């Protein structure tokens, strides 16, 4: 017989049983390394007072321009925080304003951009069939410090562009309050 080489003597044979134990150990320990991740997270959210301030400013802008509208502010989950309807705004404006705000926050896109991207023949045209989707200008995201806080929607002015001007006035009214 020949003597084993030095390279062969450095190799320690591992039995199948030891391999199984090592694999079982790794499987058992792997979730522990994931457990180091935090179990909760913090989100920023509009206060009702801030949402009301935005809605009132949007309503005031539309009134100054001669429009009777409804204004809705939703939180980051799309739930309504504030809803204001001027006395002669149409019955449909309540749902339209709320759905514009919901659409903006849900798709994380202002509704005037959704309107363009979802026109017939465009790649996103199918989203117009989603319940509550309102692809008309007047829904703007409320963002600050890289976080989506909610959205504001306005309905009742003559066209989405005029609604959007009022919504922008609402955002402008709270801009200094949101910077963080």
N, C-alpha and C. Protein backbone atom coordinates (compact mmCIF):
# COMPACT_ATOMS: atom_id res chain seq x y z
N UNK A 1 0.83 -1.17 0.00
CA UNK A 1 0.00 0.00 0.00
C UNK A 1 0.88 1.24 0.00
N UNK A 2 0.34 2.24 -0.62
CA UNK A 2 1.07 3.49 -0.64
C UNK A 2 0.57 4.37 0.49
N UNK A 3 1.42 5.22 0.94
CA UNK A 3 1.01 6.11 2.02
C UNK A 3 0.14 7.24 1.46
N UNK A 4 -0.82 7.66 2.24
CA UNK A 4 -1.68 8.74 1.75
C UNK A 4 -0.89 10.03 1.60
N UNK A 5 -1.30 10.81 0.61
CA UNK A 5 -0.62 12.09 0.40
C UNK A 5 -1.04 13.06 1.49
N UNK A 6 -0.29 14.14 1.63
CA UNK A 6 -0.63 15.11 2.66
C UNK A 6 -1.97 15.77 2.40
N UNK A 7 -2.33 15.93 1.11
CA UNK A 7 -3.62 16.55 0.79
C UNK A 7 -4.75 15.65 1.25
N UNK A 8 -4.59 14.33 1.08
CA UNK A 8 -5.64 13.41 1.49
C UNK A 8 -5.76 13.35 3.01
N UNK A 9 -4.67 13.55 3.70
CA UNK A 9 -4.73 13.45 5.15
C UNK A 9 -5.41 14.66 5.78
N UNK A 10 -5.50 15.79 5.04
CA UNK A 10 -6.17 16.97 5.56
C UNK A 10 -7.69 16.87 5.46
N UNK A 11 -8.18 15.94 4.69
CA UNK A 11 -9.61 15.81 4.49
C UNK A 11 -10.18 14.90 5.55
N UNK A 12 -11.21 15.39 6.25
CA UNK A 12 -11.87 14.59 7.27
C UNK A 12 -13.18 14.11 6.68
N UNK A 13 -13.40 12.83 6.64
CA UNK A 13 -14.64 12.33 6.06
C UNK A 13 -15.84 12.72 6.94
N UNK A 14 -16.94 13.13 6.29
CA UNK A 14 -18.15 13.53 6.99
C UNK A 14 -19.23 12.51 6.66
N UNK A 15 -19.84 11.99 7.69
CA UNK A 15 -20.86 10.98 7.46
C UNK A 15 -22.17 11.66 7.06
N UNK A 16 -23.07 10.91 6.47
CA UNK A 16 -24.37 11.43 6.05
C UNK A 16 -25.17 11.91 7.26
N UNK A 17 -25.02 11.26 8.40
CA UNK A 17 -25.74 11.65 9.61
C UNK A 17 -25.32 13.03 10.10
N UNK A 18 -24.02 13.31 10.03
CA UNK A 18 -23.54 14.63 10.46
C UNK A 18 -24.06 15.70 9.50
N UNK A 19 -24.09 15.40 8.21
CA UNK A 19 -24.63 16.36 7.24
C UNK A 19 -26.08 16.69 7.56
N UNK A 20 -26.86 15.66 7.88
CA UNK A 20 -28.28 15.88 8.20
C UNK A 20 -28.43 16.77 9.43
N UNK A 21 -27.60 16.53 10.44
CA UNK A 21 -27.65 17.33 11.67
C UNK A 21 -27.28 18.78 11.35
N UNK A 22 -26.27 18.98 10.52
CA UNK A 22 -25.85 20.34 10.16
C UNK A 22 -26.96 21.06 9.39
N UNK A 23 -27.59 20.37 8.47
CA UNK A 23 -28.68 20.98 7.70
C UNK A 23 -29.85 21.30 8.61
N UNK A 24 -30.21 20.40 9.51
CA UNK A 24 -31.31 20.65 10.44
C UNK A 24 -31.00 21.85 11.33
N UNK A 25 -29.75 21.96 11.74
CA UNK A 25 -29.34 23.10 12.57
C UNK A 25 -29.51 24.41 11.80
N UNK A 26 -29.06 24.44 10.55
CA UNK A 26 -29.19 25.65 9.74
C UNK A 26 -30.65 26.02 9.51
N UNK A 27 -31.48 25.04 9.29
CA UNK A 27 -32.90 25.30 9.10
C UNK A 27 -33.52 25.86 10.37
N UNK A 28 -33.10 25.35 11.51
CA UNK A 28 -33.64 25.82 12.78
C UNK A 28 -33.15 27.23 13.13
N UNK A 29 -31.91 27.55 12.77
CA UNK A 29 -31.32 28.83 13.13
C UNK A 29 -31.69 29.94 12.15
N UNK A 30 -31.99 29.61 10.90
CA UNK A 30 -32.28 30.63 9.88
C UNK A 30 -33.41 31.58 10.30
N UNK A 31 -34.52 31.10 10.83
CA UNK A 31 -35.58 32.05 11.24
C UNK A 31 -35.13 33.00 12.34
N UNK A 32 -34.19 32.58 13.17
CA UNK A 32 -33.71 33.45 14.24
C UNK A 32 -32.98 34.66 13.67
N UNK A 33 -32.27 34.47 12.56
CA UNK A 33 -31.59 35.61 11.96
C UNK A 33 -32.59 36.58 11.36
N UNK A 34 -33.74 36.09 10.92
CA UNK A 34 -34.78 36.96 10.39
C UNK A 34 -35.53 37.67 11.52
N UNK A 35 -35.55 37.07 12.69
CA UNK A 35 -36.28 37.65 13.82
C UNK A 35 -35.64 38.95 14.28
N UNK A 36 -34.44 39.22 13.85
CA UNK A 36 -33.77 40.45 14.24
C UNK A 36 -34.43 41.67 13.60
N UNK A 37 -35.20 41.45 12.53
CA UNK A 37 -35.90 42.56 11.88
C UNK A 37 -36.99 43.07 12.82
N UNK A 38 -37.27 44.37 12.77
CA UNK A 38 -38.29 44.92 13.67
C UNK A 38 -39.66 44.32 13.40
N UNK A 39 -40.43 44.18 14.44
CA UNK A 39 -41.77 43.60 14.32
C UNK A 39 -42.82 44.66 13.99
N UNK A 40 -42.47 45.92 14.09
CA UNK A 40 -43.40 47.00 13.79
C UNK A 40 -42.69 48.07 12.97
N UNK A 41 -43.47 49.01 12.44
CA UNK A 41 -42.89 50.13 11.73
C UNK A 41 -43.73 51.36 12.00
N UNK A 42 -43.14 52.50 11.75
CA UNK A 42 -43.81 53.76 12.02
C UNK A 42 -44.19 54.41 10.70
N UNK A 43 -45.38 54.97 10.64
CA UNK A 43 -45.82 55.69 9.46
C UNK A 43 -46.21 57.11 9.85
N UNK A 44 -46.12 57.99 8.91
CA UNK A 44 -46.56 59.37 9.11
C UNK A 44 -47.96 59.47 8.53
N UNK A 45 -48.80 60.19 9.23
CA UNK A 45 -50.19 60.33 8.81
C UNK A 45 -50.66 61.75 9.06
N UNK A 46 -51.53 62.23 8.21
CA UNK A 46 -52.09 63.57 8.40
C UNK A 46 -52.95 63.59 9.66
N UNK A 47 -52.87 64.68 10.39
CA UNK A 47 -53.81 64.86 11.50
C UNK A 47 -55.14 65.33 10.90
N UNK A 48 -56.23 65.13 11.61
CA UNK A 48 -57.51 65.64 11.11
C UNK A 48 -57.48 67.15 10.90
N UNK A 49 -56.76 67.86 11.74
CA UNK A 49 -56.67 69.31 11.62
C UNK A 49 -55.96 69.72 10.33
N UNK A 50 -54.90 69.01 9.99
CA UNK A 50 -54.16 69.31 8.76
C UNK A 50 -55.00 68.95 7.54
N UNK A 51 -55.69 67.82 7.59
CA UNK A 51 -56.56 67.42 6.48
C UNK A 51 -57.67 68.45 6.29
N UNK A 52 -58.24 68.93 7.39
CA UNK A 52 -59.30 69.94 7.32
C UNK A 52 -58.78 71.25 6.73
N UNK A 53 -57.57 71.64 7.14
CA UNK A 53 -56.98 72.87 6.62
C UNK A 53 -56.81 72.78 5.10
N UNK A 54 -56.35 71.66 4.61
CA UNK A 54 -56.19 71.47 3.16
C UNK A 54 -57.53 71.53 2.45
N UNK A 55 -58.53 70.85 3.00
CA UNK A 55 -59.86 70.83 2.38
C UNK A 55 -60.47 72.23 2.36
N UNK A 56 -60.33 72.96 3.45
CA UNK A 56 -60.90 74.30 3.51
C UNK A 56 -60.22 75.24 2.50
N UNK A 57 -58.92 75.11 2.34
CA UNK A 57 -58.20 75.95 1.37
C UNK A 57 -58.62 75.62 -0.06
N UNK A 58 -58.80 74.34 -0.35
CA UNK A 58 -59.25 73.95 -1.69
C UNK A 58 -60.66 74.47 -1.96
N UNK A 59 -61.53 74.33 -0.98
CA UNK A 59 -62.90 74.83 -1.12
C UNK A 59 -62.91 76.35 -1.31
N UNK A 60 -62.10 77.06 -0.55
CA UNK A 60 -62.02 78.52 -0.66
C UNK A 60 -61.54 78.94 -2.06
N UNK A 61 -60.56 78.22 -2.61
CA UNK A 61 -60.05 78.54 -3.95
C UNK A 61 -61.14 78.35 -4.98
N UNK A 62 -61.86 77.24 -4.89
CA UNK A 62 -62.93 77.00 -5.85
C UNK A 62 -64.04 78.04 -5.72
N UNK A 63 -64.39 78.40 -4.50
CA UNK A 63 -65.41 79.44 -4.30
C UNK A 63 -64.95 80.76 -4.91
N UNK A 64 -63.69 81.11 -4.70
CA UNK A 64 -63.15 82.35 -5.25
C UNK A 64 -63.21 82.35 -6.78
N UNK A 65 -63.09 81.17 -7.36
CA UNK A 65 -63.15 81.03 -8.81
C UNK A 65 -64.59 80.87 -9.31
N UNK A 66 -65.55 80.83 -8.37
CA UNK A 66 -66.96 80.75 -8.73
C UNK A 66 -67.51 79.33 -8.88
N UNK A 67 -66.83 78.35 -8.29
CA UNK A 67 -67.26 76.95 -8.42
C UNK A 67 -67.78 76.41 -7.11
N UNK A 68 -68.84 75.63 -7.19
CA UNK A 68 -69.39 74.90 -6.05
C UNK A 68 -68.87 73.46 -6.16
N UNK A 69 -68.10 73.02 -5.17
CA UNK A 69 -67.43 71.72 -5.26
C UNK A 69 -67.55 70.93 -3.96
N UNK A 70 -67.12 69.71 -4.06
CA UNK A 70 -66.88 68.87 -2.88
C UNK A 70 -65.38 68.60 -2.83
N UNK A 71 -64.85 68.52 -1.63
CA UNK A 71 -63.42 68.26 -1.41
C UNK A 71 -63.31 67.11 -0.42
N UNK A 72 -62.47 66.15 -0.76
CA UNK A 72 -62.22 65.02 0.15
C UNK A 72 -60.72 64.89 0.38
N UNK A 73 -60.35 64.59 1.60
CA UNK A 73 -58.97 64.28 1.94
C UNK A 73 -58.98 62.88 2.54
N UNK A 74 -58.14 62.00 1.98
CA UNK A 74 -58.05 60.63 2.47
C UNK A 74 -56.67 60.40 3.07
N UNK A 75 -56.58 59.42 3.96
CA UNK A 75 -55.28 59.07 4.54
C UNK A 75 -54.53 58.16 3.58
N UNK A 76 -53.38 57.69 3.99
CA UNK A 76 -52.53 56.87 3.12
C UNK A 76 -53.17 55.53 2.75
N UNK A 77 -54.17 55.11 3.48
CA UNK A 77 -54.88 53.87 3.16
C UNK A 77 -56.10 54.13 2.28
N UNK A 78 -56.37 55.39 1.97
CA UNK A 78 -57.53 55.73 1.13
C UNK A 78 -58.81 55.94 1.90
N UNK A 79 -58.72 55.98 3.23
CA UNK A 79 -59.91 56.19 4.06
C UNK A 79 -60.15 57.68 4.24
N UNK A 80 -61.39 58.09 4.10
CA UNK A 80 -61.73 59.50 4.16
C UNK A 80 -61.49 60.07 5.55
N UNK A 81 -60.75 61.17 5.60
CA UNK A 81 -60.53 61.90 6.85
C UNK A 81 -61.43 63.12 6.92
N UNK A 82 -61.57 63.82 5.79
CA UNK A 82 -62.37 65.04 5.74
C UNK A 82 -63.15 65.06 4.44
N UNK A 83 -64.40 65.50 4.53
CA UNK A 83 -65.22 65.68 3.33
C UNK A 83 -66.03 66.95 3.52
N UNK A 84 -65.85 67.89 2.60
CA UNK A 84 -66.60 69.14 2.61
C UNK A 84 -67.36 69.25 1.29
N UNK A 85 -68.61 69.64 1.36
CA UNK A 85 -69.42 69.86 0.16
C UNK A 85 -70.05 71.23 0.26
N UNK A 86 -69.78 72.06 -0.76
CA UNK A 86 -70.39 73.38 -0.77
C UNK A 86 -71.89 73.23 -1.00
N UNK A 87 -72.65 74.24 -0.59
CA UNK A 87 -74.11 74.08 -0.55
C UNK A 87 -74.76 73.76 -1.88
N UNK A 88 -74.22 74.22 -3.01
CA UNK A 88 -74.86 73.94 -4.30
C UNK A 88 -74.07 72.96 -5.15
N UNK A 89 -73.08 72.31 -4.58
CA UNK A 89 -72.32 71.31 -5.34
C UNK A 89 -73.23 70.13 -5.65
N UNK A 90 -73.08 69.58 -6.83
CA UNK A 90 -73.92 68.46 -7.27
C UNK A 90 -73.78 67.24 -6.37
N UNK A 91 -74.82 66.44 -6.37
CA UNK A 91 -74.83 65.23 -5.53
C UNK A 91 -73.68 64.29 -5.88
N UNK A 92 -73.32 64.23 -7.14
CA UNK A 92 -72.25 63.33 -7.59
C UNK A 92 -70.87 63.76 -7.10
N UNK A 93 -70.72 65.02 -6.70
CA UNK A 93 -69.38 65.53 -6.38
C UNK A 93 -68.79 64.90 -5.13
N UNK A 94 -69.64 64.45 -4.22
CA UNK A 94 -69.14 63.81 -3.00
C UNK A 94 -68.38 62.52 -3.34
N UNK A 95 -69.03 61.65 -4.12
CA UNK A 95 -68.37 60.40 -4.51
C UNK A 95 -67.19 60.67 -5.44
N UNK A 96 -67.35 61.60 -6.36
CA UNK A 96 -66.27 61.87 -7.31
C UNK A 96 -65.03 62.40 -6.61
N UNK A 97 -65.19 63.34 -5.68
CA UNK A 97 -64.03 63.88 -4.95
C UNK A 97 -63.36 62.79 -4.12
N UNK A 98 -64.16 62.01 -3.44
CA UNK A 98 -63.61 60.94 -2.61
C UNK A 98 -62.87 59.92 -3.47
N UNK A 99 -63.46 59.56 -4.61
CA UNK A 99 -62.82 58.57 -5.48
C UNK A 99 -61.57 59.11 -6.17
N UNK A 100 -61.54 60.41 -6.45
CA UNK A 100 -60.32 61.00 -7.01
C UNK A 100 -59.19 60.90 -5.98
N UNK A 101 -59.48 61.25 -4.74
CA UNK A 101 -58.45 61.16 -3.70
C UNK A 101 -58.04 59.70 -3.49
N UNK A 102 -59.01 58.80 -3.46
CA UNK A 102 -58.71 57.37 -3.30
C UNK A 102 -57.85 56.87 -4.45
N UNK A 103 -58.17 57.26 -5.67
CA UNK A 103 -57.40 56.81 -6.84
C UNK A 103 -55.96 57.31 -6.76
N UNK A 104 -55.78 58.57 -6.38
CA UNK A 104 -54.43 59.13 -6.29
C UNK A 104 -53.59 58.39 -5.26
N UNK A 105 -54.15 58.12 -4.09
CA UNK A 105 -53.37 57.46 -3.05
C UNK A 105 -53.21 55.97 -3.37
N UNK A 106 -54.22 55.35 -3.92
CA UNK A 106 -54.15 53.92 -4.21
C UNK A 106 -53.11 53.61 -5.28
N UNK A 107 -53.08 54.42 -6.32
CA UNK A 107 -52.14 54.18 -7.41
C UNK A 107 -50.87 55.02 -7.27
N UNK A 108 -50.80 55.80 -6.20
CA UNK A 108 -49.63 56.63 -5.92
C UNK A 108 -49.26 57.50 -7.13
N UNK A 109 -50.31 58.07 -7.71
CA UNK A 109 -50.17 58.89 -8.90
C UNK A 109 -51.29 59.92 -8.90
N UNK A 110 -50.99 61.14 -9.27
CA UNK A 110 -52.04 62.15 -9.40
C UNK A 110 -53.01 61.73 -10.50
N UNK A 111 -54.28 62.03 -10.32
CA UNK A 111 -55.29 61.51 -11.25
C UNK A 111 -55.17 62.09 -12.66
N UNK A 112 -54.62 63.27 -12.83
CA UNK A 112 -54.42 63.78 -14.19
C UNK A 112 -53.40 62.91 -14.93
N UNK A 113 -52.41 62.38 -14.22
CA UNK A 113 -51.44 61.47 -14.83
C UNK A 113 -52.08 60.11 -15.10
N UNK A 114 -52.95 59.67 -14.21
CA UNK A 114 -53.67 58.41 -14.43
C UNK A 114 -54.55 58.55 -15.67
N UNK A 115 -55.19 59.71 -15.81
CA UNK A 115 -56.07 59.94 -16.97
C UNK A 115 -55.30 59.75 -18.27
N UNK A 116 -54.11 60.32 -18.35
CA UNK A 116 -53.30 60.21 -19.58
C UNK A 116 -52.82 58.78 -19.80
N UNK A 117 -52.36 58.13 -18.74
CA UNK A 117 -51.79 56.79 -18.86
C UNK A 117 -52.84 55.71 -19.13
N UNK A 118 -54.11 56.02 -18.86
CA UNK A 118 -55.15 55.00 -19.00
C UNK A 118 -56.12 55.27 -20.15
N UNK A 119 -55.73 56.14 -21.06
CA UNK A 119 -56.58 56.40 -22.22
C UNK A 119 -56.69 55.14 -23.07
N UNK A 120 -57.77 55.02 -23.85
CA UNK A 120 -57.91 53.85 -24.72
C UNK A 120 -56.67 53.68 -25.61
N UNK A 121 -56.21 52.46 -25.68
CA UNK A 121 -55.02 52.14 -26.47
C UNK A 121 -53.72 52.22 -25.70
N UNK A 122 -53.74 52.83 -24.52
CA UNK A 122 -52.54 52.91 -23.68
C UNK A 122 -52.41 51.62 -22.86
N UNK A 123 -51.22 51.36 -22.40
CA UNK A 123 -50.96 50.10 -21.70
C UNK A 123 -51.75 49.95 -20.40
N UNK A 124 -52.13 51.08 -19.78
CA UNK A 124 -52.85 51.00 -18.51
C UNK A 124 -54.35 51.26 -18.67
N UNK A 125 -54.87 51.15 -19.87
CA UNK A 125 -56.28 51.47 -20.10
C UNK A 125 -57.22 50.59 -19.27
N UNK A 126 -56.79 49.41 -18.93
CA UNK A 126 -57.64 48.49 -18.17
C UNK A 126 -57.95 48.93 -16.76
N UNK A 127 -57.13 49.81 -16.19
CA UNK A 127 -57.40 50.21 -14.80
C UNK A 127 -58.66 51.05 -14.68
N UNK A 128 -59.15 51.58 -15.77
CA UNK A 128 -60.39 52.36 -15.73
C UNK A 128 -61.59 51.49 -15.36
N UNK A 129 -61.42 50.20 -15.43
CA UNK A 129 -62.51 49.28 -15.09
C UNK A 129 -62.51 48.89 -13.61
N UNK A 130 -61.52 49.33 -12.86
CA UNK A 130 -61.48 49.03 -11.43
C UNK A 130 -62.58 49.82 -10.73
N UNK A 131 -63.25 49.21 -9.78
CA UNK A 131 -64.24 49.96 -8.99
C UNK A 131 -63.55 51.14 -8.29
N UNK A 132 -64.21 52.25 -8.24
CA UNK A 132 -63.76 53.49 -7.59
C UNK A 132 -62.71 54.26 -8.39
N UNK A 133 -62.09 53.65 -9.38
CA UNK A 133 -61.06 54.35 -10.15
C UNK A 133 -61.68 55.55 -10.84
N UNK A 134 -61.09 56.71 -10.61
CA UNK A 134 -61.56 57.94 -11.23
C UNK A 134 -60.38 58.59 -11.93
N UNK A 135 -60.32 58.41 -13.23
CA UNK A 135 -59.20 58.90 -14.04
C UNK A 135 -59.55 60.25 -14.64
N UNK A 136 -59.72 61.23 -13.77
CA UNK A 136 -60.03 62.61 -14.15
C UNK A 136 -59.20 63.50 -13.24
N UNK A 137 -58.67 64.59 -13.76
CA UNK A 137 -57.87 65.50 -12.95
C UNK A 137 -58.63 65.97 -11.72
N UNK A 138 -57.89 66.32 -10.68
CA UNK A 138 -58.49 66.81 -9.45
C UNK A 138 -58.11 66.00 -8.23
N UNK A 139 -57.37 64.93 -8.40
CA UNK A 139 -56.88 64.13 -7.28
C UNK A 139 -55.37 64.24 -7.20
N UNK A 140 -54.87 64.76 -6.08
CA UNK A 140 -53.43 64.94 -5.90
C UNK A 140 -52.95 64.22 -4.65
N UNK A 141 -51.78 63.62 -4.77
CA UNK A 141 -51.16 62.97 -3.61
C UNK A 141 -50.67 64.02 -2.62
N UNK A 142 -50.72 63.70 -1.34
CA UNK A 142 -50.14 64.53 -0.29
C UNK A 142 -48.87 63.80 0.15
N UNK A 143 -47.73 64.41 -0.14
CA UNK A 143 -46.44 63.79 0.16
C UNK A 143 -45.56 64.76 0.94
N UNK A 144 -44.71 64.21 1.77
CA UNK A 144 -43.72 65.03 2.48
C UNK A 144 -42.60 64.12 2.97
N UNK A 145 -41.40 64.61 2.88
CA UNK A 145 -40.25 63.86 3.38
C UNK A 145 -40.12 62.49 2.76
N UNK A 146 -40.53 62.33 1.52
CA UNK A 146 -40.45 61.04 0.85
C UNK A 146 -41.53 60.06 1.24
N UNK A 147 -42.51 60.50 2.00
CA UNK A 147 -43.60 59.62 2.45
C UNK A 147 -44.93 60.07 1.83
N UNK A 148 -45.73 59.10 1.45
CA UNK A 148 -47.09 59.36 0.99
C UNK A 148 -47.97 59.44 2.24
N UNK A 149 -48.60 60.58 2.44
CA UNK A 149 -49.42 60.80 3.63
C UNK A 149 -50.91 60.63 3.36
N UNK A 150 -51.31 60.80 2.12
CA UNK A 150 -52.71 60.74 1.77
C UNK A 150 -52.92 61.39 0.42
N UNK A 151 -54.14 61.87 0.19
CA UNK A 151 -54.46 62.55 -1.07
C UNK A 151 -55.65 63.45 -0.87
N UNK A 152 -55.79 64.42 -1.78
CA UNK A 152 -56.92 65.33 -1.78
C UNK A 152 -57.60 65.23 -3.13
N UNK A 153 -58.92 65.23 -3.11
CA UNK A 153 -59.70 65.18 -4.34
C UNK A 153 -60.73 66.28 -4.37
N UNK A 154 -60.92 66.89 -5.53
CA UNK A 154 -61.89 67.96 -5.71
C UNK A 154 -62.75 67.62 -6.90
N UNK A 155 -64.06 67.87 -6.77
CA UNK A 155 -64.98 67.63 -7.88
C UNK A 155 -66.07 68.70 -7.89
N UNK A 156 -66.41 69.16 -9.08
CA UNK A 156 -67.50 70.11 -9.23
C UNK A 156 -67.16 71.31 -10.06
N UNK A 157 -65.87 71.62 -10.19
CA UNK A 157 -65.47 72.72 -11.07
C UNK A 157 -65.65 72.24 -12.52
N UNK A 158 -65.66 73.16 -13.47
CA UNK A 158 -65.85 72.73 -14.86
C UNK A 158 -64.60 72.07 -15.44
N UNK A 159 -64.45 70.79 -15.18
CA UNK A 159 -63.34 70.01 -15.72
C UNK A 159 -62.28 69.68 -14.69
N UNK A 160 -61.55 68.62 -14.98
CA UNK A 160 -60.52 68.14 -14.08
C UNK A 160 -59.40 69.13 -13.84
N UNK A 161 -59.07 69.95 -14.86
CA UNK A 161 -57.98 70.91 -14.67
C UNK A 161 -58.35 71.95 -13.61
N UNK A 162 -59.59 72.43 -13.65
CA UNK A 162 -60.03 73.41 -12.65
C UNK A 162 -60.10 72.77 -11.26
N UNK A 163 -60.56 71.52 -11.19
CA UNK A 163 -60.56 70.79 -9.92
C UNK A 163 -59.15 70.69 -9.37
N UNK A 164 -58.20 70.42 -10.25
CA UNK A 164 -56.82 70.23 -9.83
C UNK A 164 -56.21 71.53 -9.29
N UNK A 165 -56.57 72.66 -9.87
CA UNK A 165 -56.08 73.95 -9.38
C UNK A 165 -56.53 74.14 -7.93
N UNK A 166 -57.77 73.78 -7.63
CA UNK A 166 -58.28 73.91 -6.27
C UNK A 166 -57.58 72.93 -5.32
N UNK A 167 -57.38 71.71 -5.78
CA UNK A 167 -56.67 70.72 -4.96
C UNK A 167 -55.25 71.19 -4.66
N UNK A 168 -54.60 71.78 -5.65
CA UNK A 168 -53.24 72.30 -5.46
C UNK A 168 -53.23 73.41 -4.41
N UNK A 169 -54.28 74.23 -4.37
CA UNK A 169 -54.37 75.27 -3.35
C UNK A 169 -54.46 74.65 -1.96
N UNK A 170 -55.14 73.52 -1.86
CA UNK A 170 -55.20 72.80 -0.59
C UNK A 170 -53.84 72.30 -0.15
N UNK A 171 -53.07 71.76 -1.09
CA UNK A 171 -51.72 71.29 -0.77
C UNK A 171 -50.82 72.45 -0.37
N UNK A 172 -50.95 73.55 -1.08
CA UNK A 172 -50.11 74.72 -0.78
C UNK A 172 -50.37 75.23 0.64
N UNK A 173 -51.62 75.15 1.07
CA UNK A 173 -51.98 75.65 2.41
C UNK A 173 -51.34 74.85 3.54
N UNK A 174 -50.98 73.60 3.29
CA UNK A 174 -50.40 72.77 4.35
C UNK A 174 -48.92 72.42 4.11
N UNK A 175 -48.36 72.94 3.03
CA UNK A 175 -46.98 72.56 2.65
C UNK A 175 -45.99 72.84 3.78
N UNK A 176 -46.06 74.00 4.39
CA UNK A 176 -45.10 74.33 5.46
C UNK A 176 -45.30 73.45 6.69
N UNK A 177 -46.53 73.00 6.92
CA UNK A 177 -46.81 72.13 8.07
C UNK A 177 -46.24 70.73 7.88
N UNK A 178 -46.06 70.31 6.61
CA UNK A 178 -45.68 68.94 6.32
C UNK A 178 -44.19 68.72 6.18
N UNK A 179 -43.42 69.72 5.92
CA UNK A 179 -42.00 69.51 5.69
C UNK A 179 -41.33 68.95 6.93
N UNK A 180 -40.76 67.77 6.78
CA UNK A 180 -40.02 67.16 7.89
C UNK A 180 -38.85 66.37 7.34
